[in-house]
Amino acid sequence: MAIDKNAFNPEDIEAYKDAVAKLGALTAMINYYRNILGNRQQLSNFPDAVITAL
């Protein structure tokens, strides 16, 4: 749930729903963030890298 309810318009929400509904998409999305969080030590070698999450 977004803290700012106005951050995403209804079209954005529908686009996310459509993307997540595809076979394997949710697993891929979760693995993407799991990989980022699991590799913070390696990412510390790049001090200018900005890591953001939805």
PDB file of N, CA and C in Angstrom:
ATOM      1  N   MET A   1       0.850  -1.178   0.000  1.00  0.00           N
ATOM      2  CA  MET A   1       0.000   0.000   0.000  1.00  0.00           C
ATOM      3  C   MET A   1       0.890   1.232   0.000  1.00  0.00           C
ATOM      4  N   ALA A   2       0.627   2.145  -0.890  1.00  0.00           N
ATOM      5  CA  ALA A   2       1.373   3.390  -0.963  1.00  0.00           C
ATOM      6  C   ALA A   2       0.948   4.320   0.163  1.00  0.00           C
ATOM      7  N   ILE A   3       1.896   5.024   0.713  1.00  0.00           N
ATOM      8  CA  ILE A   3       1.571   5.986   1.766  1.00  0.00           C
ATOM      9  C   ILE A   3       0.814   7.160   1.169  1.00  0.00           C
ATOM     10  N   ASP A   4       1.288   7.658   0.032  1.00  0.00           N
ATOM     11  CA  ASP A   4       0.620   8.765  -0.650  1.00  0.00           C
ATOM     12  C   ASP A   4      -0.338   8.169  -1.677  1.00  0.00           C
ATOM     13  N   LYS A   5      -1.603   8.195  -1.385  1.00  0.00           N
ATOM     14  CA  LYS A   5      -2.611   7.580  -2.260  1.00  0.00           C
ATOM     15  C   LYS A   5      -2.656   8.228  -3.641  1.00  0.00           C
ATOM     16  N   ASN A   6      -2.139   9.434  -3.769  1.00  0.00           N
ATOM     17  CA  ASN A   6      -2.150  10.133  -5.053  1.00  0.00           C
ATOM     18  C   ASN A   6      -0.881   9.880  -5.874  1.00  0.00           C
ATOM     19  N   ALA A   7       0.033   9.072  -5.344  1.00  0.00           N
ATOM     20  CA  ALA A   7       1.300   8.822  -6.034  1.00  0.00           C
ATOM     21  C   ALA A   7       1.101   8.027  -7.321  1.00  0.00           C
ATOM     22  N   PHE A   8       0.062   7.194  -7.369  1.00  0.00           N
ATOM     23  CA  PHE A   8      -0.201   6.366  -8.533  1.00  0.00           C
ATOM     24  C   PHE A   8      -1.613   6.617  -9.021  1.00  0.00           C
ATOM     25  N   ASN A   9      -1.732   6.897 -10.310  1.00  0.00           N
ATOM     26  CA  ASN A   9      -3.072   7.097 -10.851  1.00  0.00           C
ATOM     27  C   ASN A   9      -3.682   5.734 -11.190  1.00  0.00           C
ATOM     28  N   PRO A  10      -4.969   5.679 -11.448  1.00  0.00           N
ATOM     29  CA  PRO A  10      -5.619   4.383 -11.731  1.00  0.00           C
ATOM     30  C   PRO A  10      -5.000   3.620 -12.903  1.00  0.00           C
ATOM     31  N   GLU A  11      -4.507   4.327 -13.907  1.00  0.00           N
ATOM     32  CA  GLU A  11      -3.870   3.661 -15.041  1.00  0.00           C
ATOM     33  C   GLU A  11      -2.580   2.960 -14.607  1.00  0.00           C
ATOM     34  N   ASP A  12      -1.812   3.604 -13.712  1.00  0.00           N
ATOM     35  CA  ASP A  12      -0.592   2.980 -13.197  1.00  0.00           C
ATOM     36  C   ASP A  12      -0.921   1.700 -12.429  1.00  0.00           C
ATOM     37  N   ILE A  13      -1.929   1.763 -11.592  1.00  0.00           N
ATOM     38  CA  ILE A  13      -2.336   0.602 -10.804  1.00  0.00           C
ATOM     39  C   ILE A  13      -2.751  -0.539 -11.726  1.00  0.00           C
ATOM     40  N   GLU A  14      -3.511  -0.230 -12.757  1.00  0.00           N
ATOM     41  CA  GLU A  14      -3.930  -1.267 -13.703  1.00  0.00           C
ATOM     42  C   GLU A  14      -2.725  -1.872 -14.430  1.00  0.00           C
ATOM     43  N   ALA A  15      -1.742  -1.039 -14.767  1.00  0.00           N
ATOM     44  CA  ALA A  15      -0.538  -1.540 -15.436  1.00  0.00           C
ATOM     45  C   ALA A  15       0.212  -2.510 -14.524  1.00  0.00           C
ATOM     46  N   TYR A  16       0.313  -2.195 -13.237  1.00  0.00           N
ATOM     47  CA  TYR A  16       0.965  -3.104 -12.285  1.00  0.00           C
ATOM     48  C   TYR A  16       0.172  -4.393 -12.138  1.00  0.00           C
ATOM     49  N   LYS A  17      -1.140  -4.284 -12.059  1.00  0.00           N
ATOM     50  CA  LYS A  17      -1.986  -5.475 -11.946  1.00  0.00           C
ATOM     51  C   LYS A  17      -1.809  -6.376 -13.161  1.00  0.00           C
ATOM     52  N   ASP A  18      -1.786  -5.778 -14.346  1.00  0.00           N
ATOM     53  CA  ASP A  18      -1.609  -6.555 -15.575  1.00  0.00           C
ATOM     54  C   ASP A  18      -0.242  -7.239 -15.600  1.00  0.00           C
ATOM     55  N   ALA A  19       0.784  -6.504 -15.153  1.00  0.00           N
ATOM     56  CA  ALA A  19       2.141  -7.057 -15.156  1.00  0.00           C
ATOM     57  C   ALA A  19       2.262  -8.219 -14.181  1.00  0.00           C
ATOM     58  N   VAL A  20       1.713  -8.068 -12.987  1.00  0.00           N
ATOM     59  CA  VAL A  20       1.809  -9.110 -11.964  1.00  0.00           C
ATOM     60  C   VAL A  20       1.008 -10.350 -12.353  1.00  0.00           C
ATOM     61  N   ALA A  21      -0.051 -10.170 -13.136  1.00  0.00           N
ATOM     62  CA  ALA A  21      -0.919 -11.282 -13.506  1.00  0.00           C
ATOM     63  C   ALA A  21      -0.264 -12.244 -14.500  1.00  0.00           C
ATOM     64  N   LYS A  22       0.817 -11.837 -15.134  1.00  0.00           N
ATOM     65  CA  LYS A  22       1.475 -12.701 -16.117  1.00  0.00           C
ATOM     66  C   LYS A  22       2.232 -13.824 -15.406  1.00  0.00           C
ATOM     67  N   LEU A  23       2.225 -14.988 -16.011  1.00  0.00           N
ATOM     68  CA  LEU A  23       2.849 -16.171 -15.447  1.00  0.00           C
ATOM     69  C   LEU A  23       4.320 -15.911 -15.114  1.00  0.00           C
ATOM     70  N   GLY A  24       4.697 -16.092 -13.860  1.00  0.00           N
ATOM     71  CA  GLY A  24       6.082 -15.934 -13.422  1.00  0.00           C
ATOM     72  C   GLY A  24       6.494 -14.523 -13.089  1.00  0.00           C
ATOM     73  N   ALA A  25       5.634 -13.550 -13.355  1.00  0.00           N
ATOM     74  CA  ALA A  25       6.010 -12.152 -13.158  1.00  0.00           C
ATOM     75  C   ALA A  25       6.194 -11.796 -11.688  1.00  0.00           C
ATOM     76  N   LEU A  26       5.296 -12.248 -10.839  1.00  0.00           N
ATOM     77  CA  LEU A  26       5.402 -11.908  -9.418  1.00  0.00           C
ATOM     78  C   LEU A  26       6.689 -12.491  -8.835  1.00  0.00           C
ATOM     79  N   THR A  27       7.009 -13.718  -9.191  1.00  0.00           N
ATOM     80  CA  THR A  27       8.254 -14.332  -8.721  1.00  0.00           C
ATOM     81  C   THR A  27       9.455 -13.522  -9.193  1.00  0.00           C
ATOM     82  N   ALA A  28       9.438 -13.098 -10.436  1.00  0.00           N
ATOM     83  CA  ALA A  28      10.543 -12.303 -10.967  1.00  0.00           C
ATOM     84  C   ALA A  28      10.674 -10.977 -10.229  1.00  0.00           C
ATOM     85  N   MET A  29       9.544 -10.338  -9.936  1.00  0.00           N
ATOM     86  CA  MET A  29       9.579  -9.056  -9.220  1.00  0.00           C
ATOM     87  C   MET A  29      10.158  -9.227  -7.818  1.00  0.00           C
ATOM     88  N   ILE A  30       9.715 -10.262  -7.128  1.00  0.00           N
ATOM     89  CA  ILE A  30      10.217 -10.517  -5.778  1.00  0.00           C
ATOM     90  C   ILE A  30      11.701 -10.858  -5.812  1.00  0.00           C
ATOM     91  N   ASN A  31      12.111 -11.688  -6.751  1.00  0.00           N
ATOM     92  CA  ASN A  31      13.523 -12.057  -6.855  1.00  0.00           C
ATOM     93  C   ASN A  31      14.403 -10.862  -7.181  1.00  0.00           C
ATOM     94  N   TYR A  32      13.898  -9.923  -7.952  1.00  0.00           N
ATOM     95  CA  TYR A  32      14.647  -8.709  -8.283  1.00  0.00           C
ATOM     96  C   TYR A  32      15.025  -7.963  -7.008  1.00  0.00           C
ATOM     97  N   TYR A  33      14.051  -7.721  -6.140  1.00  0.00           N
ATOM     98  CA  TYR A  33      14.328  -6.997  -4.908  1.00  0.00           C
ATOM     99  C   TYR A  33      15.110  -7.853  -3.915  1.00  0.00           C
ATOM    100  N   ARG A  34      14.852  -9.141  -3.882  1.00  0.00           N
ATOM    101  CA  ARG A  34      15.608 -10.042  -3.014  1.00  0.00           C
ATOM    102  C   ARG A  34      17.082 -10.008  -3.400  1.00  0.00           C
ATOM    103  N   ASN A  35      17.372  -9.976  -4.688  1.00  0.00           N
ATOM    104  CA  ASN A  35      18.749  -9.934  -5.157  1.00  0.00           C
ATOM    105  C   ASN A  35      19.423  -8.625  -4.768  1.00  0.00           C
ATOM    106  N   ILE A  36      18.741  -7.520  -4.918  1.00  0.00           N
ATOM    107  CA  ILE A  36      19.318  -6.228  -4.541  1.00  0.00           C
ATOM    108  C   ILE A  36      19.646  -6.217  -3.057  1.00  0.00           C
ATOM    109  N   LEU A  37      18.694  -6.619  -2.238  1.00  0.00           N
ATOM    110  CA  LEU A  37      18.904  -6.585  -0.788  1.00  0.00           C
ATOM    111  C   LEU A  37      19.962  -7.594  -0.356  1.00  0.00           C
ATOM    112  N   GLY A  38      20.044  -8.718  -1.033  1.00  0.00           N
ATOM    113  CA  GLY A  38      21.021  -9.729  -0.682  1.00  0.00           C
ATOM    114  C   GLY A  38      22.433  -9.389  -1.106  1.00  0.00           C
ATOM    115  N   ASN A  39      22.581  -8.444  -2.012  1.00  0.00           N
ATOM    116  CA  ASN A  39      23.903  -8.089  -2.528  1.00  0.00           C
ATOM    117  C   ASN A  39      24.341  -6.691  -2.130  1.00  0.00           C
ATOM    118  N   ARG A  40      23.862  -6.203  -1.012  1.00  0.00           N
ATOM    119  CA  ARG A  40      24.258  -4.856  -0.573  1.00  0.00           C
ATOM    120  C   ARG A  40      25.763  -4.751  -0.363  1.00  0.00           C
ATOM    121  N   GLN A  41      26.390  -5.825   0.124  1.00  0.00           N
ATOM    122  CA  GLN A  41      27.839  -5.799   0.339  1.00  0.00           C
ATOM    123  C   GLN A  41      28.556  -5.554  -0.982  1.00  0.00           C
ATOM    124  N   GLN A  42      28.151  -6.254  -2.032  1.00  0.00           N
ATOM    125  CA  GLN A  42      28.773  -6.055  -3.334  1.00  0.00           C
ATOM    126  C   GLN A  42      28.467  -4.670  -3.878  1.00  0.00           C
ATOM    127  N   LEU A  43      27.264  -4.180  -3.636  1.00  0.00           N
ATOM    128  CA  LEU A  43      26.892  -2.865  -4.150  1.00  0.00           C
ATOM    129  C   LEU A  43      27.623  -1.742  -3.428  1.00  0.00           C
ATOM    130  N   SER A  44      28.148  -2.015  -2.221  1.00  0.00           N
ATOM    131  CA  SER A  44      28.868  -0.968  -1.490  1.00  0.00           C
ATOM    132  C   SER A  44      30.152  -0.570  -2.214  1.00  0.00           C
ATOM    133  N   ASN A  45      30.590  -1.387  -3.169  1.00  0.00           N
ATOM    134  CA  ASN A  45      31.767  -1.026  -3.966  1.00  0.00           C
ATOM    135  C   ASN A  45      31.464   0.111  -4.934  1.00  0.00           C
ATOM    136  N   PHE A  46      30.178   0.453  -5.076  1.00  0.00           N
ATOM    137  CA  PHE A  46      29.747   1.526  -5.966  1.00  0.00           C
ATOM    138  C   PHE A  46      29.070   2.604  -5.124  1.00  0.00           C
ATOM    139  N   PRO A  47      29.862   3.481  -4.492  1.00  0.00           N
ATOM    140  CA  PRO A  47      29.286   4.449  -3.547  1.00  0.00           C
ATOM    141  C   PRO A  47      28.284   5.418  -4.164  1.00  0.00           C
ATOM    142  N   ASP A  48      28.328   5.639  -5.456  1.00  0.00           N
ATOM    143  CA  ASP A  48      27.408   6.575  -6.094  1.00  0.00           C
ATOM    144  C   ASP A  48      26.100   5.918  -6.507  1.00  0.00           C
ATOM    145  N   ALA A  49      25.986   4.605  -6.337  1.00  0.00           N
ATOM    146  CA  ALA A  49      24.766   3.902  -6.731  1.00  0.00           C
ATOM    147  C   ALA A  49      23.632   4.246  -5.767  1.00  0.00           C
ATOM    148  N   VAL A  50      22.486   4.522  -6.318  1.00  0.00           N
ATOM    149  CA  VAL A  50      21.309   4.817  -5.523  1.00  0.00           C
ATOM    150  C   VAL A  50      20.364   3.639  -5.669  1.00  0.00           C
ATOM    151  N   ILE A  51      19.991   3.025  -4.548  1.00  0.00           N
ATOM    152  CA  ILE A  51      19.069   1.883  -4.562  1.00  0.00           C
ATOM    153  C   ILE A  51      17.726   2.361  -4.062  1.00  0.00           C
ATOM    154  N   THR A  52      16.723   2.201  -4.900  1.00  0.00           N
ATOM    155  CA  THR A  52      15.375   2.606  -4.501  1.00  0.00           C
ATOM    156  C   THR A  52      14.433   1.415  -4.619  1.00  0.00           C
ATOM    157  N   ALA A  53      13.370   1.474  -3.913  1.00  0.00           N
ATOM    158  CA  ALA A  53      12.356   0.422  -3.977  1.00  0.00           C
ATOM    159  C   ALA A  53      11.002   1.077  -4.112  1.00  0.00           C
ATOM    160  N   LEU A  54      10.065   0.369  -4.679  1.00  0.00           N
ATOM    161  CA  LEU A  54       8.709   0.895  -4.803  1.00  0.00           C
ATOM    162  C   LEU A  54       8.021   0.942  -3.488  1.00  0.00           C
TER     163      LEU A  54
END
